[in-house]
């Protein structure tokens, strides 16, 4: 082979390749320089809606690597690198890894959506998938509730995301329900009236919405009365007012000579909506 000819061909190919190389280097430099600011911008934007710092850092890291990988692929394309084959290989590998880690991925995505939507905050009292308690911790994998008995209930985020969520803290006014079994021989009208007066006489029971005492069902042993009243949880303790109402009903029954041979039943938190006014 003629060396001069080979050298001229090599020089010509190098000169043709040089502009592509320069463009690739410029694109790569811009990518490296812009990855950091892009990640910090996302962190600032996410910080307005997400309070979990670990999640903000994770989003920032994802944006940084997305910019770096995208810019690197564009730079490689300038030097005739086989991007299609490379991306196809990454796609197959990503599909394999994603299938193996699909539960982790689903929980992560659900966690991100929950942190952005914020259907509840730390400390809120909620009912999720049949579990009642206060929100103790929220991460990208799971949500932890602290039950009213002090137990930690760990729920995968995908279960939280797909379940109906009842947040007892979002609205201040809450209704409580008490069931009272009244023997048939007792004066129904009198019992209804004096029990309603007793409930309204408890400090913390709201006048609007008004408390009610209504007949609910006819049982073998007597009439079941349902007392409903509302409490502002921002001003009063819900269970404290509930206890005072039960005490007031008991004292009124004793004072008026009304026989209550059966226990007064409360409706647990989260079940009050089962019986409507």
C-alpha atoms as a PDB file:
ATOM      1  CA  UNK A   1       0.000   0.000   0.000  1.00  0.00           C
ATOM      2  CA  UNK A   2       1.242   3.457  -0.876  1.00  0.00           C
ATOM      3  CA  UNK A   3       2.042   5.170   2.414  1.00  0.00           C
ATOM      4  CA  UNK A   4       1.437   8.641   1.047  1.00  0.00           C
ATOM      5  CA  UNK A   5      -1.998   7.627  -0.193  1.00  0.00           C
ATOM      6  CA  UNK A   6      -2.847   5.982   3.130  1.00  0.00           C
ATOM      7  CA  UNK A   7      -1.681   9.052   5.015  1.00  0.00           C
ATOM      8  CA  UNK A   8      -3.736  11.378   2.815  1.00  0.00           C
ATOM      9  CA  UNK A   9      -6.831   9.214   3.308  1.00  0.00           C
ATOM     10  CA  UNK A  10      -6.224   9.145   7.057  1.00  0.00           C
ATOM     11  CA  UNK A  11      -5.747  12.918   7.137  1.00  0.00           C
ATOM     12  CA  UNK A  12      -8.913  13.460   5.098  1.00  0.00           C
ATOM     13  CA  UNK A  13     -10.959  11.185   7.375  1.00  0.00           C
ATOM     14  CA  UNK A  14      -9.528  12.943  10.406  1.00  0.00           C
ATOM     15  CA  UNK A  15     -10.440  16.344   9.025  1.00  0.00           C
ATOM     16  CA  UNK A  16     -13.954  15.107   8.218  1.00  0.00           C
ATOM     17  CA  UNK A  17     -14.290  13.596  11.695  1.00  0.00           C
ATOM     18  CA  UNK A  18     -12.878  16.620  13.558  1.00  0.00           C
ATOM     19  CA  UNK A  19     -16.050  18.811  13.358  1.00  0.00           C
ATOM     20  CA  UNK A  20     -18.153  15.927  14.689  1.00  0.00           C
ATOM     21  CA  UNK A  21     -15.673  15.394  17.505  1.00  0.00           C
ATOM     22  CA  UNK A  22     -15.716  19.082  18.388  1.00  0.00           C
ATOM     23  CA  UNK A  23     -19.527  19.114  18.425  1.00  0.00           C
ATOM     24  CA  UNK A  24     -19.566  15.954  20.571  1.00  0.00           C
ATOM     25  CA  UNK A  25     -17.145  17.492  23.061  1.00  0.00           C
ATOM     26  CA  UNK A  26     -19.173  20.692  23.204  1.00  0.00           C
ATOM     27  CA  UNK A  27     -22.410  18.744  23.763  1.00  0.00           C
ATOM     28  CA  UNK A  28     -20.779  16.637  26.458  1.00  0.00           C
ATOM     29  CA  UNK A  29     -19.336  19.725  28.173  1.00  0.00           C
ATOM     30  CA  UNK A  30     -22.734  21.444  28.137  1.00  0.00           C
ATOM     31  CA  UNK A  31     -24.293  18.262  29.522  1.00  0.00           C
ATOM     32  CA  UNK A  32     -21.846  18.065  32.416  1.00  0.00           C
ATOM     33  CA  UNK A  33     -22.229  21.756  33.214  1.00  0.00           C
ATOM     34  CA  UNK A  34     -26.044  21.728  33.041  1.00  0.00           C
ATOM     35  CA  UNK A  35     -26.668  18.504  35.003  1.00  0.00           C
ATOM     36  CA  UNK A  36     -25.971  20.152  38.362  1.00  0.00           C
ATOM     37  CA  UNK A  37     -28.155  23.263  37.851  1.00  0.00           C
ATOM     38  CA  UNK A  38     -30.988  21.107  36.469  1.00  0.00           C
ATOM     39  CA  UNK A  39     -30.849  18.860  39.536  1.00  0.00           C
ATOM     40  CA  UNK A  40     -30.825  21.852  41.899  1.00  0.00           C
ATOM     41  CA  UNK A  41     -33.779  23.436  40.048  1.00  0.00           C
ATOM     42  CA  UNK A  42     -35.810  20.248  40.405  1.00  0.00           C
ATOM     43  CA  UNK A  43     -34.867  20.080  44.094  1.00  0.00           C
ATOM     44  CA  UNK A  44     -36.138  23.630  44.655  1.00  0.00           C
ATOM     45  CA  UNK A  45     -39.380  22.957  42.792  1.00  0.00           C
ATOM     46  CA  UNK A  46     -39.965  19.646  44.547  1.00  0.00           C
ATOM     47  CA  UNK A  47     -39.203  21.218  47.922  1.00  0.00           C
ATOM     48  CA  UNK A  48     -42.369  23.314  47.618  1.00  0.00           C
ATOM     49  CA  UNK A  49     -44.562  20.193  47.627  1.00  0.00           C
ATOM     50  CA  UNK A  50     -42.424  17.466  49.209  1.00  0.00           C
ATOM     51  CA  UNK A  51     -41.132  17.663  52.767  1.00  0.00           C
ATOM     52  CA  UNK A  52     -39.173  14.402  52.760  1.00  0.00           C
ATOM     53  CA  UNK A  53     -35.523  15.341  52.093  1.00  0.00           C
ATOM     54  CA  UNK A  54     -34.577  11.817  51.017  1.00  0.00           C
ATOM     55  CA  UNK A  55     -37.196  11.950  48.270  1.00  0.00           C
ATOM     56  CA  UNK A  56     -36.030  15.369  47.114  1.00  0.00           C
ATOM     57  CA  UNK A  57     -32.442  14.124  46.930  1.00  0.00           C
ATOM     58  CA  UNK A  58     -33.554  11.049  45.002  1.00  0.00           C
ATOM     59  CA  UNK A  59     -35.479  13.138  42.467  1.00  0.00           C
ATOM     60  CA  UNK A  60     -32.493  15.444  42.129  1.00  0.00           C
ATOM     61  CA  UNK A  61     -30.199  12.474  41.500  1.00  0.00           C
ATOM     62  CA  UNK A  62     -32.580  11.027  38.898  1.00  0.00           C
ATOM     63  CA  UNK A  63     -32.682  14.327  37.020  1.00  0.00           C
ATOM     64  CA  UNK A  64     -28.871  14.643  37.147  1.00  0.00           C
ATOM     65  CA  UNK A  65     -28.345  11.164  35.690  1.00  0.00           C
ATOM     66  CA  UNK A  66     -31.094  11.652  33.098  1.00  0.00           C
ATOM     67  CA  UNK A  67     -29.397  14.795  31.807  1.00  0.00           C
ATOM     68  CA  UNK A  68     -25.971  13.142  31.827  1.00  0.00           C
ATOM     69  CA  UNK A  69     -27.125   9.993  30.026  1.00  0.00           C
ATOM     70  CA  UNK A  70     -29.183  11.905  27.448  1.00  0.00           C
ATOM     71  CA  UNK A  71     -26.378  14.369  26.722  1.00  0.00           C
ATOM     72  CA  UNK A  72     -23.796  11.574  26.497  1.00  0.00           C
ATOM     73  CA  UNK A  73     -25.927   9.662  23.987  1.00  0.00           C
ATOM     74  CA  UNK A  74     -26.351  12.797  21.866  1.00  0.00           C
ATOM     75  CA  UNK A  75     -22.583  13.384  21.984  1.00  0.00           C
ATOM     76  CA  UNK A  76     -21.841   9.779  21.000  1.00  0.00           C
ATOM     77  CA  UNK A  77     -24.272  10.054  18.113  1.00  0.00           C
ATOM     78  CA  UNK A  78     -22.130  12.879  16.715  1.00  0.00           C
ATOM     79  CA  UNK A  79     -19.180  10.480  16.376  1.00  0.00           C
ATOM     80  CA  UNK A  80     -21.275   7.767  14.655  1.00  0.00           C
ATOM     81  CA  UNK A  81     -21.560   5.574  17.724  1.00  0.00           C
ATOM     82  CA  UNK A  82     -24.181   2.823  17.306  1.00  0.00           C
ATOM     83  CA  UNK A  83     -26.773   4.428  19.576  1.00  0.00           C
ATOM     84  CA  UNK A  84     -29.620   2.179  18.418  1.00  0.00           C
ATOM     85  CA  UNK A  85     -27.865  -1.019  19.377  1.00  0.00           C
ATOM     86  CA  UNK A  86     -26.640   0.478  22.639  1.00  0.00           C
ATOM     87  CA  UNK A  87     -30.106   1.718  23.620  1.00  0.00           C
ATOM     88  CA  UNK A  88     -31.652  -1.607  22.631  1.00  0.00           C
ATOM     89  CA  UNK A  89     -29.184  -3.381  24.895  1.00  0.00           C
ATOM     90  CA  UNK A  90     -29.991  -0.985  27.729  1.00  0.00           C
ATOM     91  CA  UNK A  91     -33.695  -1.523  27.108  1.00  0.00           C
ATOM     92  CA  UNK A  92     -33.422  -5.288  27.382  1.00  0.00           C
ATOM     93  CA  UNK A  93     -31.296  -5.015  30.509  1.00  0.00           C
ATOM     94  CA  UNK A  94     -33.659  -2.451  32.001  1.00  0.00           C
ATOM     95  CA  UNK A  95     -36.675  -4.616  31.213  1.00  0.00           C
ATOM     96  CA  UNK A  96     -35.036  -7.590  32.914  1.00  0.00           C
ATOM     97  CA  UNK A  97     -34.093  -5.603  36.011  1.00  0.00           C
ATOM     98  CA  UNK A  98     -37.472  -3.830  36.071  1.00  0.00           C
ATOM     99  CA  UNK A  99     -39.353  -7.128  35.949  1.00  0.00           C
ATOM    100  CA  UNK A 100     -37.262  -8.498  38.804  1.00  0.00           C
ATOM    101  CA  UNK A 101     -37.790  -5.350  40.872  1.00  0.00           C
ATOM    102  CA  UNK A 102     -41.354  -4.529  39.804  1.00  0.00           C
ATOM    103  CA  UNK A 103     -42.745  -4.442  43.359  1.00  0.00           C
ATOM    104  CA  UNK A 104     -40.012  -2.050  44.474  1.00  0.00           C
ATOM    105  CA  UNK A 105     -40.581   0.079  41.379  1.00  0.00           C
ATOM    106  CA  UNK A 106     -44.350   0.200  41.870  1.00  0.00           C
ATOM    107  CA  UNK A 107     -43.976   1.181  45.522  1.00  0.00           C
ATOM    108  CA  UNK A 108     -41.412   3.840  44.612  1.00  0.00           C
ATOM    109  CA  UNK A 109     -43.613   5.409  41.940  1.00  0.00           C
ATOM    110  CA  UNK A 110     -46.656   5.270  44.232  1.00  0.00           C
ATOM    111  CA  UNK A 111     -44.583   6.869  47.003  1.00  0.00           C
ATOM    112  CA  UNK A 112     -43.511   9.727  44.749  1.00  0.00           C
ATOM    113  CA  UNK A 113     -47.121  10.384  43.714  1.00  0.00           C
ATOM    114  CA  UNK A 114     -48.304  10.294  47.335  1.00  0.00           C
ATOM    115  CA  UNK A 115     -45.560  12.697  48.416  1.00  0.00           C
ATOM    116  CA  UNK A 116     -46.538  15.099  45.638  1.00  0.00           C
ATOM    117  CA  UNK A 117     -50.321  14.830  46.084  1.00  0.00           C
ATOM    118  CA  UNK A 118     -50.059  14.811  49.910  1.00  0.00           C
ATOM    119  CA  UNK A 119     -53.419  13.266  50.861  1.00  0.00           C
ATOM    120  CA  UNK A 120     -52.090  13.305  54.432  1.00  0.00           C
ATOM    121  CA  UNK A 121     -49.218  14.707  56.480  1.00  0.00           C
ATOM    122  CA  UNK A 122     -47.152  13.401  59.366  1.00  0.00           C
ATOM    123  CA  UNK A 123     -49.367  13.306  62.455  1.00  0.00           C
ATOM    124  CA  UNK A 124     -52.692  13.173  60.601  1.00  0.00           C
ATOM    125  CA  UNK A 125     -55.195  10.612  61.867  1.00  0.00           C
ATOM    126  CA  UNK A 126     -56.291   8.445  58.958  1.00  0.00           C
ATOM    127  CA  UNK A 127     -57.928   5.196  57.945  1.00  0.00           C
ATOM    128  CA  UNK A 128     -56.169   3.369  55.108  1.00  0.00           C
ATOM    129  CA  UNK A 129     -57.112  -0.101  53.866  1.00  0.00           C
ATOM    130  CA  UNK A 130     -58.944  -0.825  57.119  1.00  0.00           C
ATOM    131  CA  UNK A 131     -56.098   0.376  59.368  1.00  0.00           C
ATOM    132  CA  UNK A 132     -56.739   3.380  61.639  1.00  0.00           C
ATOM    133  CA  UNK A 133     -54.016   5.464  63.272  1.00  0.00           C
ATOM    134  CA  UNK A 134     -51.832   8.539  62.935  1.00  0.00           C
ATOM    135  CA  UNK A 135     -49.298   8.904  60.140  1.00  0.00           C
ATOM    136  CA  UNK A 136     -45.887   8.246  61.671  1.00  0.00           C
ATOM    137  CA  UNK A 137     -43.564   8.209  58.647  1.00  0.00           C
ATOM    138  CA  UNK A 138     -43.733   8.443  54.854  1.00  0.00           C
ATOM    139  CA  UNK A 139     -40.984   7.127  52.579  1.00  0.00           C
ATOM    140  CA  UNK A 140     -40.677   6.241  48.904  1.00  0.00           C
ATOM    141  CA  UNK A 141     -41.316   2.578  49.737  1.00  0.00           C
ATOM    142  CA  UNK A 142     -43.940   2.503  52.477  1.00  0.00           C
ATOM    143  CA  UNK A 143     -46.134   4.511  54.832  1.00  0.00           C
ATOM    144  CA  UNK A 144     -46.072   3.824  58.574  1.00  0.00           C
ATOM    145  CA  UNK A 145     -49.103   4.367  60.779  1.00  0.00           C
ATOM    146  CA  UNK A 146     -49.086   4.436  64.557  1.00  0.00           C
ATOM    147  CA  UNK A 147     -52.285   2.760  65.696  1.00  0.00           C
ATOM    148  CA  UNK A 148     -54.227   4.142  68.647  1.00  0.00           C
ATOM    149  CA  UNK A 149     -52.928   1.141  70.621  1.00  0.00           C
ATOM    150  CA  UNK A 150     -49.337   2.222  69.922  1.00  0.00           C
ATOM    151  CA  UNK A 151     -48.545  -0.396  67.269  1.00  0.00           C
ATOM    152  CA  UNK A 152     -46.608   0.424  64.090  1.00  0.00           C
ATOM    153  CA  UNK A 153     -48.504  -0.546  60.933  1.00  0.00           C
ATOM    154  CA  UNK A 154     -46.305  -0.530  57.809  1.00  0.00           C
ATOM    155  CA  UNK A 155     -48.237  -0.296  54.539  1.00  0.00           C
ATOM    156  CA  UNK A 156     -46.593  -0.633  51.089  1.00  0.00           C
ATOM    157  CA  UNK A 157     -47.174   2.554  49.144  1.00  0.00           C
ATOM    158  CA  UNK A 158     -48.901   0.746  46.279  1.00  0.00           C
ATOM    159  CA  UNK A 159     -51.549  -0.436  48.763  1.00  0.00           C
ATOM    160  CA  UNK A 160     -51.925   3.092  50.128  1.00  0.00           C
ATOM    161  CA  UNK A 161     -52.166   4.558  46.626  1.00  0.00           C
ATOM    162  CA  UNK A 162     -54.909   2.167  45.493  1.00  0.00           C
ATOM    163  CA  UNK A 163     -56.927   2.217  48.756  1.00  0.00           C
ATOM    164  CA  UNK A 164     -59.598   4.650  49.891  1.00  0.00           C
ATOM    165  CA  UNK A 165     -58.045   7.113  52.361  1.00  0.00           C
ATOM    166  CA  UNK A 166     -60.084   8.724  55.123  1.00  0.00           C
ATOM    167  CA  UNK A 167     -58.283  11.676  56.695  1.00  0.00           C
ATOM    168  CA  UNK A 168     -59.840  12.596  60.020  1.00  0.00           C
ATOM    169  CA  UNK A 169     -57.551  15.617  60.482  1.00  0.00           C
ATOM    170  CA  UNK A 170     -58.201  17.576  57.289  1.00  0.00           C
ATOM    171  CA  UNK A 171     -61.564  18.930  58.479  1.00  0.00           C
ATOM    172  CA  UNK A 172     -61.984  20.257  62.012  1.00  0.00           C
ATOM    173  CA  UNK A 173     -65.611  19.254  62.750  1.00  0.00           C
ATOM    174  CA  UNK A 174     -66.215  15.568  63.412  1.00  0.00           C
ATOM    175  CA  UNK A 175     -69.351  13.645  64.225  1.00  0.00           C
ATOM    176  CA  UNK A 176     -69.570  11.063  66.981  1.00  0.00           C
ATOM    177  CA  UNK A 177     -72.255   8.392  67.287  1.00  0.00           C
ATOM    178  CA  UNK A 178     -73.559   6.649  70.413  1.00  0.00           C
ATOM    179  CA  UNK A 179     -76.113   3.824  70.446  1.00  0.00           C
ATOM    180  CA  UNK A 180     -78.477   3.541  73.435  1.00  0.00           C
ATOM    181  CA  UNK A 181     -80.815   0.577  74.026  1.00  0.00           C
ATOM    182  CA  UNK A 182     -84.056   1.791  75.659  1.00  0.00           C
ATOM    183  CA  UNK A 183     -86.526  -0.779  77.097  1.00  0.00           C
ATOM    184  CA  UNK A 184     -90.027  -0.679  75.576  1.00  0.00           C
ATOM    185  CA  UNK A 185     -91.641   0.206  78.909  1.00  0.00           C
ATOM    186  CA  UNK A 186     -89.723   3.485  79.115  1.00  0.00           C
ATOM    187  CA  UNK A 187     -91.144   6.794  77.846  1.00  0.00           C
ATOM    188  CA  UNK A 188     -89.516   7.137  74.417  1.00  0.00           C
ATOM    189  CA  UNK A 189     -90.395  10.824  73.912  1.00  0.00           C
ATOM    190  CA  UNK A 190     -89.129  11.813  77.354  1.00  0.00           C
ATOM    191  CA  UNK A 191     -85.893   9.840  76.978  1.00  0.00           C
ATOM    192  CA  UNK A 192     -85.231  11.382  73.580  1.00  0.00           C
ATOM    193  CA  UNK A 193     -85.802  14.894  74.914  1.00  0.00           C
ATOM    194  CA  UNK A 194     -83.753  14.642  78.124  1.00  0.00           C
ATOM    195  CA  UNK A 195     -80.865  12.841  76.435  1.00  0.00           C
ATOM    196  CA  UNK A 196     -80.694  15.540  73.748  1.00  0.00           C
ATOM    197  CA  UNK A 197     -80.686  18.243  76.434  1.00  0.00           C
ATOM    198  CA  UNK A 198     -77.910  16.412  78.266  1.00  0.00           C
ATOM    199  CA  UNK A 199     -75.801  16.189  75.111  1.00  0.00           C
ATOM    200  CA  UNK A 200     -76.266  19.868  74.280  1.00  0.00           C
ATOM    201  CA  UNK A 201     -75.298  20.747  77.841  1.00  0.00           C
ATOM    202  CA  UNK A 202     -71.809  19.289  77.417  1.00  0.00           C
ATOM    203  CA  UNK A 203     -69.185  21.940  76.688  1.00  0.00           C
ATOM    204  CA  UNK A 204     -67.541  21.171  73.358  1.00  0.00           C
ATOM    205  CA  UNK A 205     -70.634  19.815  71.585  1.00  0.00           C
ATOM    206  CA  UNK A 206     -71.364  22.049  68.600  1.00  0.00           C
ATOM    207  CA  UNK A 207     -74.696  23.764  68.104  1.00  0.00           C
ATOM    208  CA  UNK A 208     -74.208  23.758  64.341  1.00  0.00           C
ATOM    209  CA  UNK A 209     -74.477  21.067  63.088  1.00  0.00           C
ATOM    210  CA  UNK A 210     -77.025  20.302  65.775  1.00  0.00           C
ATOM    211  CA  UNK A 211     -76.969  17.146  67.873  1.00  0.00           C
ATOM    212  CA  UNK A 212     -79.749  14.589  67.321  1.00  0.00           C
ATOM    213  CA  UNK A 213     -81.247  11.644  69.187  1.00  0.00           C
ATOM    214  CA  UNK A 214     -83.294   9.414  66.871  1.00  0.00           C
ATOM    215  CA  UNK A 215     -84.776   5.931  66.905  1.00  0.00           C
ATOM    216  CA  UNK A 216     -82.711   3.536  64.837  1.00  0.00           C
ATOM    217  CA  UNK A 217     -84.291   0.094  65.147  1.00  0.00           C
ATOM    218  CA  UNK A 218     -86.804  -2.055  67.039  1.00  0.00           C
ATOM    219  CA  UNK A 219     -85.078  -4.971  68.751  1.00  0.00           C
ATOM    220  CA  UNK A 220     -86.428  -7.815  70.876  1.00  0.00           C
ATOM    221  CA  UNK A 221     -85.412  -6.098  74.118  1.00  0.00           C
ATOM    222  CA  UNK A 222     -86.222  -2.502  73.261  1.00  0.00           C
ATOM    223  CA  UNK A 223     -85.767   0.502  70.978  1.00  0.00           C
ATOM    224  CA  UNK A 224     -82.286   1.443  69.863  1.00  0.00           C
ATOM    225  CA  UNK A 225     -81.632   5.179  69.993  1.00  0.00           C
ATOM    226  CA  UNK A 226     -78.773   6.735  68.062  1.00  0.00           C
ATOM    227  CA  UNK A 227     -77.289   9.934  69.445  1.00  0.00           C
ATOM    228  CA  UNK A 228     -75.133  11.963  67.073  1.00  0.00           C
ATOM    229  CA  UNK A 229     -73.204  15.107  67.901  1.00  0.00           C
ATOM    230  CA  UNK A 230     -70.351  17.150  66.435  1.00  0.00           C
ATOM    231  CA  UNK A 231     -67.054  18.246  67.984  1.00  0.00           C
ATOM    232  CA  UNK A 232     -64.432  20.722  66.789  1.00  0.00           C
ATOM    233  CA  UNK A 233     -61.179  18.802  67.149  1.00  0.00           C
ATOM    234  CA  UNK A 234     -59.073  21.949  66.928  1.00  0.00           C
ATOM    235  CA  UNK A 235     -60.580  23.189  70.215  1.00  0.00           C
ATOM    236  CA  UNK A 236     -61.528  20.022  72.096  1.00  0.00           C
ATOM    237  CA  UNK A 237     -60.347  16.462  72.451  1.00  0.00           C
ATOM    238  CA  UNK A 238     -62.680  14.178  70.526  1.00  0.00           C
ATOM    239  CA  UNK A 239     -62.566  11.240  72.932  1.00  0.00           C
ATOM    240  CA  UNK A 240     -62.757  13.566  75.957  1.00  0.00           C
ATOM    241  CA  UNK A 241     -66.030  15.116  74.757  1.00  0.00           C
ATOM    242  CA  UNK A 242     -67.301  11.673  73.807  1.00  0.00           C
ATOM    243  CA  UNK A 243     -66.658  10.440  77.346  1.00  0.00           C
ATOM    244  CA  UNK A 244     -68.395  13.488  78.853  1.00  0.00           C
ATOM    245  CA  UNK A 245     -71.455  12.919  76.658  1.00  0.00           C
ATOM    246  CA  UNK A 246     -71.753   9.290  77.787  1.00  0.00           C
ATOM    247  CA  UNK A 247     -71.397  10.388  81.397  1.00  0.00           C
ATOM    248  CA  UNK A 248     -74.057  13.081  80.923  1.00  0.00           C
ATOM    249  CA  UNK A 249     -76.485  10.543  79.409  1.00  0.00           C
ATOM    250  CA  UNK A 250     -75.903   8.118  82.291  1.00  0.00           C
ATOM    251  CA  UNK A 251     -76.397  10.823  84.940  1.00  0.00           C
ATOM    252  CA  UNK A 252     -79.537  12.089  83.205  1.00  0.00           C
ATOM    253  CA  UNK A 253     -80.973   8.574  83.030  1.00  0.00           C
ATOM    254  CA  UNK A 254     -80.401   8.115  86.775  1.00  0.00           C
ATOM    255  CA  UNK A 255     -81.879  11.525  87.578  1.00  0.00           C
ATOM    256  CA  UNK A 256     -84.989  10.985  85.442  1.00  0.00           C
ATOM    257  CA  UNK A 257     -85.466   7.373  86.538  1.00  0.00           C
ATOM    258  CA  UNK A 258     -84.872   5.966  83.066  1.00  0.00           C
ATOM    259  CA  UNK A 259     -83.699   2.353  83.128  1.00  0.00           C
ATOM    260  CA  UNK A 260     -80.707   1.602  80.882  1.00  0.00           C
ATOM    261  CA  UNK A 261     -80.054  -2.113  81.447  1.00  0.00           C
ATOM    262  CA  UNK A 262     -77.864  -2.455  78.369  1.00  0.00           C
ATOM    263  CA  UNK A 263     -74.408  -0.927  77.774  1.00  0.00           C
ATOM    264  CA  UNK A 264     -74.169   2.334  75.891  1.00  0.00           C
ATOM    265  CA  UNK A 265     -72.287   1.581  72.685  1.00  0.00           C
ATOM    266  CA  UNK A 266     -69.957   3.905  70.850  1.00  0.00           C
ATOM    267  CA  UNK A 267     -69.289   3.704  67.134  1.00  0.00           C
ATOM    268  CA  UNK A 268     -65.491   3.453  66.558  1.00  0.00           C
ATOM    269  CA  UNK A 269     -63.571   6.166  64.760  1.00  0.00           C
ATOM    270  CA  UNK A 270     -63.951   5.693  61.036  1.00  0.00           C
ATOM    271  CA  UNK A 271     -67.378   4.021  61.290  1.00  0.00           C
ATOM    272  CA  UNK A 272     -69.474   7.129  61.996  1.00  0.00           C
ATOM    273  CA  UNK A 273     -70.424   7.554  58.353  1.00  0.00           C
ATOM    274  CA  UNK A 274     -72.148   4.179  58.306  1.00  0.00           C
ATOM    275  CA  UNK A 275     -75.324   5.695  59.798  1.00  0.00           C
ATOM    276  CA  UNK A 276     -76.418   8.951  58.258  1.00  0.00           C
ATOM    277  CA  UNK A 277     -78.745  11.581  59.650  1.00  0.00           C
END
